[in-house]
Amino acid sequence: MMIVATTNDLPGYRIIKTIGIVRGLTVRSRSVFGTIGGALQSLVGGNITLFTSLAETTRQEALDLMVRHAEQMGANAVIAMRYDGNEITDGITEMLAYGTAVVVEEA
Protein backbone atom coordinates (compact mmCIF):
# COMPACT_ATOMS: atom_id res chain seq x y z
CA MET A 1 0.00 0.00 0.00
CA MET A 2 1.42 3.37 -1.03
CA ILE A 3 1.26 6.13 1.57
CA VAL A 4 0.87 9.62 0.08
CA ALA A 5 1.09 12.70 2.28
CA THR A 6 1.45 16.43 1.81
CA THR A 7 3.62 16.59 4.93
CA ASN A 8 7.41 16.25 5.04
CA ASP A 9 7.28 13.37 7.50
CA LEU A 10 4.93 10.57 8.49
CA PRO A 11 4.14 10.24 12.19
CA GLY A 12 4.68 6.64 13.26
CA TYR A 13 7.08 5.95 10.39
CA ARG A 14 10.79 6.39 9.88
CA ILE A 15 12.19 7.30 6.47
CA ILE A 16 14.97 4.81 5.76
CA LYS A 17 15.69 5.82 2.17
CA THR A 18 14.97 8.86 0.02
CA ILE A 19 14.59 7.88 -3.62
CA GLY A 20 13.84 11.21 -5.25
CA ILE A 21 11.27 13.22 -7.12
CA VAL A 22 8.31 11.42 -8.67
CA ARG A 23 5.62 12.90 -10.84
CA GLY A 24 2.47 12.17 -12.72
CA LEU A 25 1.51 14.42 -15.60
CA THR A 26 -1.70 14.45 -17.57
CA VAL A 27 -3.08 16.86 -20.14
CA ARG A 28 -6.83 17.07 -20.64
CA SER A 29 -9.19 19.02 -22.82
CA ARG A 30 -12.85 19.81 -22.47
CA SER A 31 -15.12 18.35 -25.08
CA VAL A 32 -17.34 20.63 -27.14
CA PHE A 33 -20.35 19.26 -25.25
CA GLY A 34 -18.65 19.84 -21.89
CA THR A 35 -17.81 23.42 -22.84
CA ILE A 36 -21.37 24.14 -23.95
CA GLY A 37 -22.83 22.39 -20.89
CA GLY A 38 -20.47 24.29 -18.57
CA ALA A 39 -21.39 27.58 -20.23
CA LEU A 40 -25.09 26.81 -19.73
CA GLN A 41 -24.50 25.89 -16.07
CA SER A 42 -22.59 29.14 -15.53
CA LEU A 43 -25.70 31.11 -16.55
CA VAL A 44 -27.52 29.71 -13.53
CA GLY A 45 -24.56 30.16 -11.16
CA GLY A 46 -23.23 27.88 -8.45
CA ASN A 47 -21.08 24.80 -8.85
CA ILE A 48 -20.35 24.02 -12.50
CA THR A 49 -20.47 20.26 -12.08
CA LEU A 50 -19.16 19.43 -15.55
CA PHE A 51 -15.94 21.34 -14.90
CA THR A 52 -15.70 20.09 -11.32
CA SER A 53 -15.92 16.52 -12.56
CA LEU A 54 -13.26 17.15 -15.22
CA ALA A 55 -10.94 18.76 -12.66
CA GLU A 56 -11.35 15.90 -10.18
CA THR A 57 -10.80 13.26 -12.87
CA THR A 58 -7.67 15.06 -14.05
CA ARG A 59 -6.24 15.34 -10.51
CA GLN A 60 -6.94 11.68 -9.80
CA GLU A 61 -5.25 10.60 -13.03
CA ALA A 62 -2.15 12.69 -12.21
CA LEU A 63 -2.07 11.23 -8.68
CA ASP A 64 -2.39 7.66 -9.98
CA LEU A 65 0.45 8.25 -12.45
CA MET A 66 2.66 9.67 -9.67
CA VAL A 67 1.96 6.67 -7.44
CA ARG A 68 2.80 4.31 -10.30
CA HIS A 69 6.08 6.17 -10.88
CA ALA A 70 6.92 5.87 -7.15
CA GLU A 71 6.14 2.15 -7.16
CA GLN A 72 8.37 1.62 -10.20
CA MET A 73 11.21 3.33 -8.32
CA GLY A 74 10.76 1.03 -5.32
CA ALA A 75 9.09 3.49 -2.93
CA ASN A 76 6.35 2.66 -0.48
CA ALA A 77 5.50 6.29 0.31
CA VAL A 78 5.47 9.77 -1.21
CA ILE A 79 5.95 12.80 1.01
CA ALA A 80 5.59 16.53 0.29
CA MET A 81 3.03 15.74 -2.43
CA ARG A 82 1.66 18.71 -4.35
CA TYR A 83 -0.47 19.49 -7.40
CA ASP A 84 0.28 22.09 -10.04
CA GLY A 85 -2.02 22.94 -12.91
CA ASN A 86 -1.62 25.16 -15.93
CA GLU A 87 -3.76 26.02 -18.89
CA ILE A 88 -1.70 25.22 -21.99
CA THR A 89 -4.20 26.83 -24.34
CA ASP A 90 -7.89 27.58 -24.22
CA GLY A 91 -9.66 24.45 -22.98
CA ILE A 92 -6.48 22.35 -22.57
CA THR A 93 -5.12 21.93 -19.07
CA GLU A 94 -1.98 20.29 -17.74
CA MET A 95 -2.11 18.74 -14.25
CA LEU A 96 1.04 17.66 -12.44
CA ALA A 97 1.16 15.69 -9.20
CA TYR A 98 4.63 15.52 -7.66
CA GLY A 99 6.41 14.67 -4.44
CA THR A 100 9.40 12.90 -2.94
CA ALA A 101 9.46 9.10 -3.15
CA VAL A 102 10.74 7.41 -0.01
CA VAL A 103 10.95 4.04 1.67
CA VAL A 104 9.50 4.05 5.17
CA GLU A 105 9.15 1.55 7.98
CA GLU A 106 7.04 1.70 11.09
CA ALA A 107 8.86 3.39 13.96
PDB file of N, CA and C in Angstrom:
ATOM      1  N   MET A   1       0.841  -1.178   0.000  1.00  0.00           N
ATOM      2  CA  MET A   1       0.000   0.000   0.000  1.00  0.00           C
ATOM      3  C   MET A   1       0.890   1.246   0.000  1.00  0.00           C
ATOM      4  N   MET A   2       0.660   2.131  -0.924  1.00  0.00           N
ATOM      5  CA  MET A   2       1.418   3.372  -1.034  1.00  0.00           C
ATOM      6  C   MET A   2       0.826   4.411  -0.086  1.00  0.00           C
ATOM      7  N   ILE A   3       1.664   5.030   0.711  1.00  0.00           N
ATOM      8  CA  ILE A   3       1.258   6.132   1.569  1.00  0.00           C
ATOM      9  C   ILE A   3       1.597   7.416   0.825  1.00  0.00           C
ATOM     10  N   VAL A   4       0.632   8.322   0.715  1.00  0.00           N
ATOM     11  CA  VAL A   4       0.865   9.617   0.076  1.00  0.00           C
ATOM     12  C   VAL A   4       0.449  10.697   1.068  1.00  0.00           C
ATOM     13  N   ALA A   5       1.378  11.637   1.318  1.00  0.00           N
ATOM     14  CA  ALA A   5       1.095  12.701   2.284  1.00  0.00           C
ATOM     15  C   ALA A   5       1.638  14.026   1.782  1.00  0.00           C
ATOM     16  N   THR A   6       0.979  15.091   2.163  1.00  0.00           N
ATOM     17  CA  THR A   6       1.450  16.429   1.814  1.00  0.00           C
ATOM     18  C   THR A   6       2.480  16.931   2.824  1.00  0.00           C
ATOM     19  N   THR A   7       2.660  16.210   3.903  1.00  0.00           N
ATOM     20  CA  THR A   7       3.621  16.594   4.935  1.00  0.00           C
ATOM     21  C   THR A   7       5.024  16.115   4.567  1.00  0.00           C
ATOM     22  N   ASN A   8       6.016  16.635   5.289  1.00  0.00           N
ATOM     23  CA  ASN A   8       7.411  16.252   5.036  1.00  0.00           C
ATOM     24  C   ASN A   8       7.851  15.044   5.849  1.00  0.00           C
ATOM     25  N   ASP A   9       6.995  14.576   6.729  1.00  0.00           N
ATOM     26  CA  ASP A   9       7.282  13.372   7.501  1.00  0.00           C
ATOM     27  C   ASP A   9       5.973  12.619   7.723  1.00  0.00           C
ATOM     28  N   LEU A  10       6.096  11.410   8.242  1.00  0.00           N
ATOM     29  CA  LEU A  10       4.928  10.573   8.491  1.00  0.00           C
ATOM     30  C   LEU A  10       4.977  10.110   9.936  1.00  0.00           C
ATOM     31  N   PRO A  11       4.150  10.676  10.796  1.00  0.00           N
ATOM     32  CA  PRO A  11       4.138  10.237  12.192  1.00  0.00           C
ATOM     33  C   PRO A  11       3.931   8.726  12.291  1.00  0.00           C
ATOM     34  N   GLY A  12       4.762   8.090  13.090  1.00  0.00           N
ATOM     35  CA  GLY A  12       4.676   6.644  13.261  1.00  0.00           C
ATOM     36  C   GLY A  12       5.543   5.870  12.281  1.00  0.00           C
ATOM     37  N   TYR A  13       6.210   6.582  11.373  1.00  0.00           N
ATOM     38  CA  TYR A  13       7.083   5.951  10.391  1.00  0.00           C
ATOM     39  C   TYR A  13       8.448   6.632  10.394  1.00  0.00           C
ATOM     40  N   ARG A  14       9.432   5.871  10.016  1.00  0.00           N
ATOM     41  CA  ARG A  14      10.786   6.394   9.883  1.00  0.00           C
ATOM     42  C   ARG A  14      11.186   6.258   8.414  1.00  0.00           C
ATOM     43  N   ILE A  15      11.710   7.342   7.853  1.00  0.00           N
ATOM     44  CA  ILE A  15      12.195   7.303   6.471  1.00  0.00           C
ATOM     45  C   ILE A  15      13.561   6.629   6.482  1.00  0.00           C
ATOM     46  N   ILE A  16      13.685   5.519   5.778  1.00  0.00           N
ATOM     47  CA  ILE A  16      14.969   4.814   5.762  1.00  0.00           C
ATOM     48  C   ILE A  16      15.728   5.033   4.456  1.00  0.00           C
ATOM     49  N   LYS A  17      15.012   5.541   3.438  1.00  0.00           N
ATOM     50  CA  LYS A  17      15.690   5.817   2.171  1.00  0.00           C
ATOM     51  C   LYS A  17      14.892   6.869   1.409  1.00  0.00           C
ATOM     52  N   THR A  18      15.586   7.870   0.906  1.00  0.00           N
ATOM     53  CA  THR A  18      14.970   8.859   0.023  1.00  0.00           C
ATOM     54  C   THR A  18      15.355   8.495  -1.400  1.00  0.00           C
ATOM     55  N   ILE A  19      14.343   8.293  -2.241  1.00  0.00           N
ATOM     56  CA  ILE A  19      14.587   7.878  -3.618  1.00  0.00           C
ATOM     57  C   ILE A  19      14.690   9.082  -4.542  1.00  0.00           C
ATOM     58  N   GLY A  20      13.785  10.013  -4.422  1.00  0.00           N
ATOM     59  CA  GLY A  20      13.845  11.214  -5.249  1.00  0.00           C
ATOM     60  C   GLY A  20      12.476  11.663  -5.717  1.00  0.00           C
ATOM     61  N   ILE A  21      12.501  12.615  -6.617  1.00  0.00           N
ATOM     62  CA  ILE A  21      11.269  13.220  -7.120  1.00  0.00           C
ATOM     63  C   ILE A  21      10.511  12.237  -8.006  1.00  0.00           C
ATOM     64  N   VAL A  22       9.203  12.197  -7.793  1.00  0.00           N
ATOM     65  CA  VAL A  22       8.311  11.425  -8.666  1.00  0.00           C
ATOM     66  C   VAL A  22       7.215  12.358  -9.140  1.00  0.00           C
ATOM     67  N   ARG A  23       6.657  12.035 -10.292  1.00  0.00           N
ATOM     68  CA  ARG A  23       5.624  12.904 -10.840  1.00  0.00           C
ATOM     69  C   ARG A  23       4.639  12.102 -11.684  1.00  0.00           C
ATOM     70  N   GLY A  24       3.488  12.683 -11.815  1.00  0.00           N
ATOM     71  CA  GLY A  24       2.467  12.168 -12.721  1.00  0.00           C
ATOM     72  C   GLY A  24       1.897  13.345 -13.468  1.00  0.00           C
ATOM     73  N   LEU A  25       1.948  13.300 -14.765  1.00  0.00           N
ATOM     74  CA  LEU A  25       1.510  14.420 -15.598  1.00  0.00           C
ATOM     75  C   LEU A  25       0.418  13.949 -16.540  1.00  0.00           C
ATOM     76  N   THR A  26      -0.640  14.731 -16.616  1.00  0.00           N
ATOM     77  CA  THR A  26      -1.699  14.454 -17.575  1.00  0.00           C
ATOM     78  C   THR A  26      -2.139  15.765 -18.199  1.00  0.00           C
ATOM     79  N   VAL A  27      -2.570  15.692 -19.430  1.00  0.00           N
ATOM     80  CA  VAL A  27      -3.080  16.856 -20.143  1.00  0.00           C
ATOM     81  C   VAL A  27      -4.479  16.494 -20.621  1.00  0.00           C
ATOM     82  N   ARG A  28      -5.432  17.339 -20.300  1.00  0.00           N
ATOM     83  CA  ARG A  28      -6.832  17.069 -20.640  1.00  0.00           C
ATOM     84  C   ARG A  28      -7.440  18.248 -21.371  1.00  0.00           C
ATOM     85  N   SER A  29      -8.433  17.947 -22.161  1.00  0.00           N
ATOM     86  CA  SER A  29      -9.193  19.016 -22.821  1.00  0.00           C
ATOM     87  C   SER A  29     -10.673  18.805 -22.544  1.00  0.00           C
ATOM     88  N   ARG A  30     -11.395  19.894 -22.587  1.00  0.00           N
ATOM     89  CA  ARG A  30     -12.852  19.810 -22.467  1.00  0.00           C
ATOM     90  C   ARG A  30     -13.412  19.445 -23.831  1.00  0.00           C
ATOM     91  N   SER A  31     -14.450  18.645 -23.818  1.00  0.00           N
ATOM     92  CA  SER A  31     -15.124  18.348 -25.081  1.00  0.00           C
ATOM     93  C   SER A  31     -16.005  19.541 -25.456  1.00  0.00           C
ATOM     94  N   VAL A  32     -16.434  19.576 -26.689  1.00  0.00           N
ATOM     95  CA  VAL A  32     -17.341  20.633 -27.140  1.00  0.00           C
ATOM     96  C   VAL A  32     -18.616  20.605 -26.309  1.00  0.00           C
ATOM     97  N   PHE A  33     -19.112  19.389 -26.034  1.00  0.00           N
ATOM     98  CA  PHE A  33     -20.346  19.259 -25.253  1.00  0.00           C
ATOM     99  C   PHE A  33     -20.128  19.727 -23.822  1.00  0.00           C
ATOM    100  N   GLY A  34     -18.959  19.398 -23.249  1.00  0.00           N
ATOM    101  CA  GLY A  34     -18.653  19.843 -21.888  1.00  0.00           C
ATOM    102  C   GLY A  34     -18.543  21.345 -21.806  1.00  0.00           C
ATOM    103  N   THR A  35     -17.953  21.961 -22.823  1.00  0.00           N
ATOM    104  CA  THR A  35     -17.813  23.420 -22.844  1.00  0.00           C
ATOM    105  C   THR A  35     -19.182  24.089 -22.938  1.00  0.00           C
ATOM    106  N   ILE A  36     -20.025  23.575 -23.809  1.00  0.00           N
ATOM    107  CA  ILE A  36     -21.372  24.138 -23.954  1.00  0.00           C
ATOM    108  C   ILE A  36     -22.177  23.918 -22.675  1.00  0.00           C
ATOM    109  N   GLY A  37     -22.096  22.688 -22.128  1.00  0.00           N
ATOM    110  CA  GLY A  37     -22.826  22.389 -20.887  1.00  0.00           C
ATOM    111  C   GLY A  37     -22.350  23.249 -19.737  1.00  0.00           C
ATOM    112  N   GLY A  38     -21.021  23.446 -19.634  1.00  0.00           N
ATOM    113  CA  GLY A  38     -20.471  24.292 -18.572  1.00  0.00           C
ATOM    114  C   GLY A  38     -20.912  25.734 -18.736  1.00  0.00           C
ATOM    115  N   ALA A  39     -20.942  26.208 -19.973  1.00  0.00           N
ATOM    116  CA  ALA A  39     -21.391  27.576 -20.229  1.00  0.00           C
ATOM    117  C   ALA A  39     -22.853  27.749 -19.821  1.00  0.00           C
ATOM    118  N   LEU A  40     -23.678  26.745 -20.126  1.00  0.00           N
ATOM    119  CA  LEU A  40     -25.089  26.810 -19.729  1.00  0.00           C
ATOM    120  C   LEU A  40     -25.233  26.788 -18.210  1.00  0.00           C
ATOM    121  N   GLN A  41     -24.442  25.939 -17.538  1.00  0.00           N
ATOM    122  CA  GLN A  41     -24.502  25.894 -16.074  1.00  0.00           C
ATOM    123  C   GLN A  41     -24.056  27.220 -15.462  1.00  0.00           C
ATOM    124  N   SER A  42     -23.092  27.887 -16.096  1.00  0.00           N
ATOM    125  CA  SER A  42     -22.590  29.141 -15.534  1.00  0.00           C
ATOM    126  C   SER A  42     -23.638  30.242 -15.587  1.00  0.00           C
ATOM    127  N   LEU A  43     -24.626  30.127 -16.482  1.00  0.00           N
ATOM    128  CA  LEU A  43     -25.700  31.113 -16.548  1.00  0.00           C
ATOM    129  C   LEU A  43     -26.563  31.080 -15.293  1.00  0.00           C
ATOM    130  N   VAL A  44     -26.706  29.882 -14.726  1.00  0.00           N
ATOM    131  CA  VAL A  44     -27.518  29.708 -13.527  1.00  0.00           C
ATOM    132  C   VAL A  44     -26.724  30.068 -12.277  1.00  0.00           C
ATOM    133  N   GLY A  45     -25.412  29.876 -12.315  1.00  0.00           N
ATOM    134  CA  GLY A  45     -24.565  30.158 -11.158  1.00  0.00           C
ATOM    135  C   GLY A  45     -24.372  28.909 -10.319  1.00  0.00           C
ATOM    136  N   GLY A  46     -23.502  29.009  -9.340  1.00  0.00           N
ATOM    137  CA  GLY A  46     -23.232  27.884  -8.449  1.00  0.00           C
ATOM    138  C   GLY A  46     -22.140  26.983  -8.994  1.00  0.00           C
ATOM    139  N   ASN A  47     -22.094  25.777  -8.473  1.00  0.00           N
ATOM    140  CA  ASN A  47     -21.077  24.802  -8.854  1.00  0.00           C
ATOM    141  C   ASN A  47     -21.298  24.357 -10.291  1.00  0.00           C
ATOM    142  N   ILE A  48     -20.273  24.480 -11.109  1.00  0.00           N
ATOM    143  CA  ILE A  48     -20.352  24.022 -12.499  1.00  0.00           C
ATOM    144  C   ILE A  48     -19.860  22.582 -12.504  1.00  0.00           C
ATOM    145  N   THR A  49     -20.803  21.667 -12.333  1.00  0.00           N
ATOM    146  CA  THR A  49     -20.469  20.263 -12.083  1.00  0.00           C
ATOM    147  C   THR A  49     -19.688  19.614 -13.209  1.00  0.00           C
ATOM    148  N   LEU A  50     -19.906  20.016 -14.435  1.00  0.00           N
ATOM    149  CA  LEU A  50     -19.159  19.425 -15.554  1.00  0.00           C
ATOM    150  C   LEU A  50     -17.668  19.733 -15.425  1.00  0.00           C
ATOM    151  N   PHE A  51     -17.342  20.954 -15.057  1.00  0.00           N
ATOM    152  CA  PHE A  51     -15.939  21.342 -14.904  1.00  0.00           C
ATOM    153  C   PHE A  51     -15.354  20.769 -13.617  1.00  0.00           C
ATOM    154  N   THR A  52     -16.160  20.691 -12.567  1.00  0.00           N
ATOM    155  CA  THR A  52     -15.701  20.093 -11.318  1.00  0.00           C
ATOM    156  C   THR A  52     -15.330  18.636 -11.537  1.00  0.00           C
ATOM    157  N   SER A  53     -16.169  17.929 -12.257  1.00  0.00           N
ATOM    158  CA  SER A  53     -15.915  16.518 -12.555  1.00  0.00           C
ATOM    159  C   SER A  53     -14.646  16.356 -13.384  1.00  0.00           C
ATOM    160  N   LEU A  54     -14.465  17.205 -14.385  1.00  0.00           N
ATOM    161  CA  LEU A  54     -13.264  17.154 -15.218  1.00  0.00           C
ATOM    162  C   LEU A  54     -12.016  17.427 -14.380  1.00  0.00           C
ATOM    163  N   ALA A  55     -12.085  18.425 -13.507  1.00  0.00           N
ATOM    164  CA  ALA A  55     -10.938  18.760 -12.660  1.00  0.00           C
ATOM    165  C   ALA A  55     -10.594  17.614 -11.714  1.00  0.00           C
ATOM    166  N   GLU A  56     -11.605  17.005 -11.118  1.00  0.00           N
ATOM    167  CA  GLU A  56     -11.355  15.898 -10.184  1.00  0.00           C
ATOM    168  C   GLU A  56     -10.781  14.687 -10.915  1.00  0.00           C
ATOM    169  N   THR A  57     -11.318  14.371 -12.081  1.00  0.00           N
ATOM    170  CA  THR A  57     -10.797  13.255 -12.874  1.00  0.00           C
ATOM    171  C   THR A  57      -9.341  13.495 -13.262  1.00  0.00           C
ATOM    172  N   THR A  58      -9.032  14.711 -13.644  1.00  0.00           N
ATOM    173  CA  THR A  58      -7.675  15.059 -14.048  1.00  0.00           C
ATOM    174  C   THR A  58      -6.715  14.947 -12.874  1.00  0.00           C
ATOM    175  N   ARG A  59      -7.092  15.448 -11.702  1.00  0.00           N
ATOM    176  CA  ARG A  59      -6.238  15.342 -10.511  1.00  0.00           C
ATOM    177  C   ARG A  59      -6.016  13.886 -10.120  1.00  0.00           C
ATOM    178  N   GLN A  60      -7.073  13.080 -10.174  1.00  0.00           N
ATOM    179  CA  GLN A  60      -6.945  11.675  -9.803  1.00  0.00           C
ATOM    180  C   GLN A  60      -6.019  10.941 -10.756  1.00  0.00           C
ATOM    181  N   GLU A  61      -6.122  11.240 -12.045  1.00  0.00           N
ATOM    182  CA  GLU A  61      -5.249  10.601 -13.028  1.00  0.00           C
ATOM    183  C   GLU A  61      -3.784  10.975 -12.778  1.00  0.00           C
ATOM    184  N   ALA A  62      -3.525  12.250 -12.500  1.00  0.00           N
ATOM    185  CA  ALA A  62      -2.154  12.692 -12.215  1.00  0.00           C
ATOM    186  C   ALA A  62      -1.629  12.013 -10.952  1.00  0.00           C
ATOM    187  N   LEU A  63      -2.463  11.898  -9.923  1.00  0.00           N
ATOM    188  CA  LEU A  63      -2.072  11.231  -8.677  1.00  0.00           C
ATOM    189  C   LEU A  63      -1.757   9.758  -8.928  1.00  0.00           C
ATOM    190  N   ASP A  64      -2.614   9.081  -9.675  1.00  0.00           N
ATOM    191  CA  ASP A  64      -2.392   7.664  -9.984  1.00  0.00           C
ATOM    192  C   ASP A  64      -1.087   7.457 -10.747  1.00  0.00           C
ATOM    193  N   LEU A  65      -0.795   8.346 -11.697  1.00  0.00           N
ATOM    194  CA  LEU A  65       0.453   8.245 -12.454  1.00  0.00           C
ATOM    195  C   LEU A  65       1.664   8.472 -11.549  1.00  0.00           C
ATOM    196  N   MET A  66       1.561   9.416 -10.608  1.00  0.00           N
ATOM    197  CA  MET A  66       2.656   9.673  -9.675  1.00  0.00           C
ATOM    198  C   MET A  66       2.894   8.453  -8.786  1.00  0.00           C
ATOM    199  N   VAL A  67       1.833   7.861  -8.282  1.00  0.00           N
ATOM    200  CA  VAL A  67       1.959   6.665  -7.436  1.00  0.00           C
ATOM    201  C   VAL A  67       2.603   5.535  -8.224  1.00  0.00           C
ATOM    202  N   ARG A  68       2.196   5.350  -9.462  1.00  0.00           N
ATOM    203  CA  ARG A  68       2.795   4.307 -10.303  1.00  0.00           C
ATOM    204  C   ARG A  68       4.289   4.561 -10.500  1.00  0.00           C
ATOM    205  N   HIS A  69       4.662   5.811 -10.721  1.00  0.00           N
ATOM    206  CA  HIS A  69       6.076   6.172 -10.878  1.00  0.00           C
ATOM    207  C   HIS A  69       6.844   5.832  -9.594  1.00  0.00           C
ATOM    208  N   ALA A  70       6.275   6.166  -8.437  1.00  0.00           N
ATOM    209  CA  ALA A  70       6.922   5.871  -7.151  1.00  0.00           C
ATOM    210  C   ALA A  70       7.086   4.368  -6.951  1.00  0.00           C
ATOM    211  N   GLU A  71       6.064   3.606  -7.286  1.00  0.00           N
ATOM    212  CA  GLU A  71       6.145   2.148  -7.155  1.00  0.00           C
ATOM    213  C   GLU A  71       7.238   1.583  -8.053  1.00  0.00           C
ATOM    214  N   GLN A  72       7.333   2.092  -9.271  1.00  0.00           N
ATOM    215  CA  GLN A  72       8.366   1.621 -10.198  1.00  0.00           C
ATOM    216  C   GLN A  72       9.773   1.910  -9.678  1.00  0.00           C
ATOM    217  N   MET A  73       9.904   2.967  -8.883  1.00  0.00           N
ATOM    218  CA  MET A  73      11.208   3.332  -8.322  1.00  0.00           C
ATOM    219  C   MET A  73      11.507   2.603  -7.017  1.00  0.00           C
ATOM    220  N   GLY A  74      10.551   1.812  -6.528  1.00  0.00           N
ATOM    221  CA  GLY A  74      10.756   1.034  -5.315  1.00  0.00           C
ATOM    222  C   GLY A  74      10.322   1.709  -4.033  1.00  0.00           C
ATOM    223  N   ALA A  75       9.560   2.760  -4.122  1.00  0.00           N
ATOM    224  CA  ALA A  75       9.088   3.487  -2.934  1.00  0.00           C
ATOM    225  C   ALA A  75       7.837   2.827  -2.363  1.00  0.00           C
ATOM    226  N   ASN A  76       7.620   3.065  -1.079  1.00  0.00           N
ATOM    227  CA  ASN A  76       6.352   2.657  -0.479  1.00  0.00           C
ATOM    228  C   ASN A  76       5.605   3.854   0.105  1.00  0.00           C
ATOM    229  N   ALA A  77       6.161   5.073  -0.135  1.00  0.00           N
ATOM    230  CA  ALA A  77       5.500   6.294   0.314  1.00  0.00           C
ATOM    231  C   ALA A  77       5.971   7.474  -0.530  1.00  0.00           C
ATOM    232  N   VAL A  78       5.118   8.493  -0.579  1.00  0.00           N
ATOM    233  CA  VAL A  78       5.467   9.767  -1.207  1.00  0.00           C
ATOM    234  C   VAL A  78       5.152  10.849  -0.196  1.00  0.00           C
ATOM    235  N   ILE A  79       6.153  11.687   0.089  1.00  0.00           N
ATOM    236  CA  ILE A  79       5.948  12.801   1.006  1.00  0.00           C
ATOM    237  C   ILE A  79       6.025  14.118   0.241  1.00  0.00           C
ATOM    238  N   ALA A  80       5.569  15.189   0.875  1.00  0.00           N
ATOM    239  CA  ALA A  80       5.589  16.533   0.292  1.00  0.00           C
ATOM    240  C   ALA A  80       4.876  16.573  -1.059  1.00  0.00           C
ATOM    241  N   MET A  81       3.779  15.822  -1.177  1.00  0.00           N
ATOM    242  CA  MET A  81       3.033  15.738  -2.429  1.00  0.00           C
ATOM    243  C   MET A  81       2.299  17.052  -2.686  1.00  0.00           C
ATOM    244  N   ARG A  82       2.330  17.483  -3.937  1.00  0.00           N
ATOM    245  CA  ARG A  82       1.657  18.706  -4.352  1.00  0.00           C
ATOM    246  C   ARG A  82       1.043  18.509  -5.736  1.00  0.00           C
ATOM    247  N   TYR A  83       0.095  19.400  -6.058  1.00  0.00           N
ATOM    248  CA  TYR A  83      -0.465  19.490  -7.403  1.00  0.00           C
ATOM    249  C   TYR A  83      -0.060  20.827  -8.006  1.00  0.00           C
ATOM    250  N   ASP A  84       0.069  20.848  -9.313  1.00  0.00           N
ATOM    251  CA  ASP A  84       0.277  22.090 -10.043  1.00  0.00           C
ATOM    252  C   ASP A  84      -0.489  21.972 -11.351  1.00  0.00           C
ATOM    253  N   GLY A  85      -1.247  22.974 -11.681  1.00  0.00           N
ATOM    254  CA  GLY A  85      -2.021  22.936 -12.910  1.00  0.00           C
ATOM    255  C   GLY A  85      -1.811  24.197 -13.723  1.00  0.00           C
ATOM    256  N   ASN A  86      -1.785  24.038 -15.017  1.00  0.00           N
ATOM    257  CA  ASN A  86      -1.621  25.163 -15.931  1.00  0.00           C
ATOM    258  C   ASN A  86      -2.508  24.977 -17.139  1.00  0.00           C
ATOM    259  N   GLU A  87      -3.013  26.079 -17.645  1.00  0.00           N
ATOM    260  CA  GLU A  87      -3.756  26.020 -18.895  1.00  0.00           C
ATOM    261  C   GLU A  87      -2.750  26.184 -20.024  1.00  0.00           C
ATOM    262  N   ILE A  88      -2.642  25.178 -20.880  1.00  0.00           N
ATOM    263  CA  ILE A  88      -1.695  25.216 -21.993  1.00  0.00           C
ATOM    264  C   ILE A  88      -2.225  26.141 -23.086  1.00  0.00           C
ATOM    265  N   THR A  89      -3.495  25.969 -23.391  1.00  0.00           N
ATOM    266  CA  THR A  89      -4.198  26.830 -24.335  1.00  0.00           C
ATOM    267  C   THR A  89      -5.670  26.766 -23.951  1.00  0.00           C
ATOM    268  N   ASP A  90      -6.483  27.531 -24.584  1.00  0.00           N
ATOM    269  CA  ASP A  90      -7.895  27.576 -24.219  1.00  0.00           C
ATOM    270  C   ASP A  90      -8.520  26.182 -24.238  1.00  0.00           C
ATOM    271  N   GLY A  91      -8.984  25.733 -23.078  1.00  0.00           N
ATOM    272  CA  GLY A  91      -9.660  24.445 -22.983  1.00  0.00           C
ATOM    273  C   GLY A  91      -8.751  23.246 -22.795  1.00  0.00           C
ATOM    274  N   ILE A  92      -7.426  23.456 -22.769  1.00  0.00           N
ATOM    275  CA  ILE A  92      -6.485  22.351 -22.574  1.00  0.00           C
ATOM    276  C   ILE A  92      -5.659  22.635 -21.329  1.00  0.00           C
ATOM    277  N   THR A  93      -5.744  21.734 -20.369  1.00  0.00           N
ATOM    278  CA  THR A  93      -5.117  21.935 -19.073  1.00  0.00           C
ATOM    279  C   THR A  93      -4.131  20.824 -18.761  1.00  0.00           C
ATOM    280  N   GLU A  94      -3.004  21.223 -18.206  1.00  0.00           N
ATOM    281  CA  GLU A  94      -1.980  20.291 -17.739  1.00  0.00           C
ATOM    282  C   GLU A  94      -2.127  20.176 -16.219  1.00  0.00           C
ATOM    283  N   MET A  95      -2.080  18.958 -15.692  1.00  0.00           N
ATOM    284  CA  MET A  95      -2.113  18.745 -14.249  1.00  0.00           C
ATOM    285  C   MET A  95      -0.926  17.879 -13.873  1.00  0.00           C
ATOM    286  N   LEU A  96      -0.148  18.358 -12.913  1.00  0.00           N
ATOM    287  CA  LEU A  96       1.036  17.662 -12.441  1.00  0.00           C
ATOM    288  C   LEU A  96       0.866  17.346 -10.961  1.00  0.00           C
ATOM    289  N   ALA A  97       1.071  16.097 -10.600  1.00  0.00           N
ATOM    290  CA  ALA A  97       1.156  15.688  -9.198  1.00  0.00           C
ATOM    291  C   ALA A  97       2.618  15.314  -8.967  1.00  0.00           C
ATOM    292  N   TYR A  98       3.213  15.822  -7.895  1.00  0.00           N
ATOM    293  CA  TYR A  98       4.626  15.523  -7.660  1.00  0.00           C
ATOM    294  C   TYR A  98       4.910  15.458  -6.165  1.00  0.00           C
ATOM    295  N   GLY A  99       6.006  14.789  -5.836  1.00  0.00           N
ATOM    296  CA  GLY A  99       6.408  14.668  -4.441  1.00  0.00           C
ATOM    297  C   GLY A  99       7.754  13.947  -4.384  1.00  0.00           C
ATOM    298  N   THR A 100       8.129  13.598  -3.165  1.00  0.00           N
ATOM    299  CA  THR A 100       9.397  12.899  -2.940  1.00  0.00           C
ATOM    300  C   THR A 100       9.101  11.446  -2.585  1.00  0.00           C
ATOM    301  N   ALA A 101       9.641  10.528  -3.384  1.00  0.00           N
ATOM    302  CA  ALA A 101       9.461   9.102  -3.147  1.00  0.00           C
ATOM    303  C   ALA A 101      10.442   8.661  -2.063  1.00  0.00           C
ATOM    304  N   VAL A 102       9.917   7.910  -1.111  1.00  0.00           N
ATOM    305  CA  VAL A 102      10.740   7.413  -0.007  1.00  0.00           C
ATOM    306  C   VAL A 102      10.368   5.973   0.326  1.00  0.00           C
ATOM    307  N   VAL A 103      11.258   5.337   1.074  1.00  0.00           N
ATOM    308  CA  VAL A 103      10.950   4.037   1.670  1.00  0.00           C
ATOM    309  C   VAL A 103      10.848   4.276   3.157  1.00  0.00           C
ATOM    310  N   VAL A 104       9.726   3.858   3.733  1.00  0.00           N
ATOM    311  CA  VAL A 104       9.499   4.046   5.168  1.00  0.00           C
ATOM    312  C   VAL A 104       9.276   2.698   5.845  1.00  0.00           C
ATOM    313  N   GLU A 105       9.501   2.701   7.150  1.00  0.00           N
ATOM    314  CA  GLU A 105       9.146   1.554   7.983  1.00  0.00           C
ATOM    315  C   GLU A 105       8.507   2.088   9.246  1.00  0.00           C
ATOM    316  N   GLU A 106       7.685   1.268   9.858  1.00  0.00           N
ATOM    317  CA  GLU A 106       7.037   1.703  11.093  1.00  0.00           C
ATOM    318  C   GLU A 106       8.093   1.943  12.156  1.00  0.00           C
ATOM    319  N   ALA A 107       7.897   3.016  12.907  1.00  0.00           N
ATOM    320  CA  ALA A 107       8.860   3.395  13.955  1.00  0.00           C
ATOM    321  C   ALA A 107       8.695   2.528  15.187  1.00  0.00           C
TER     322      ALA A 107
END
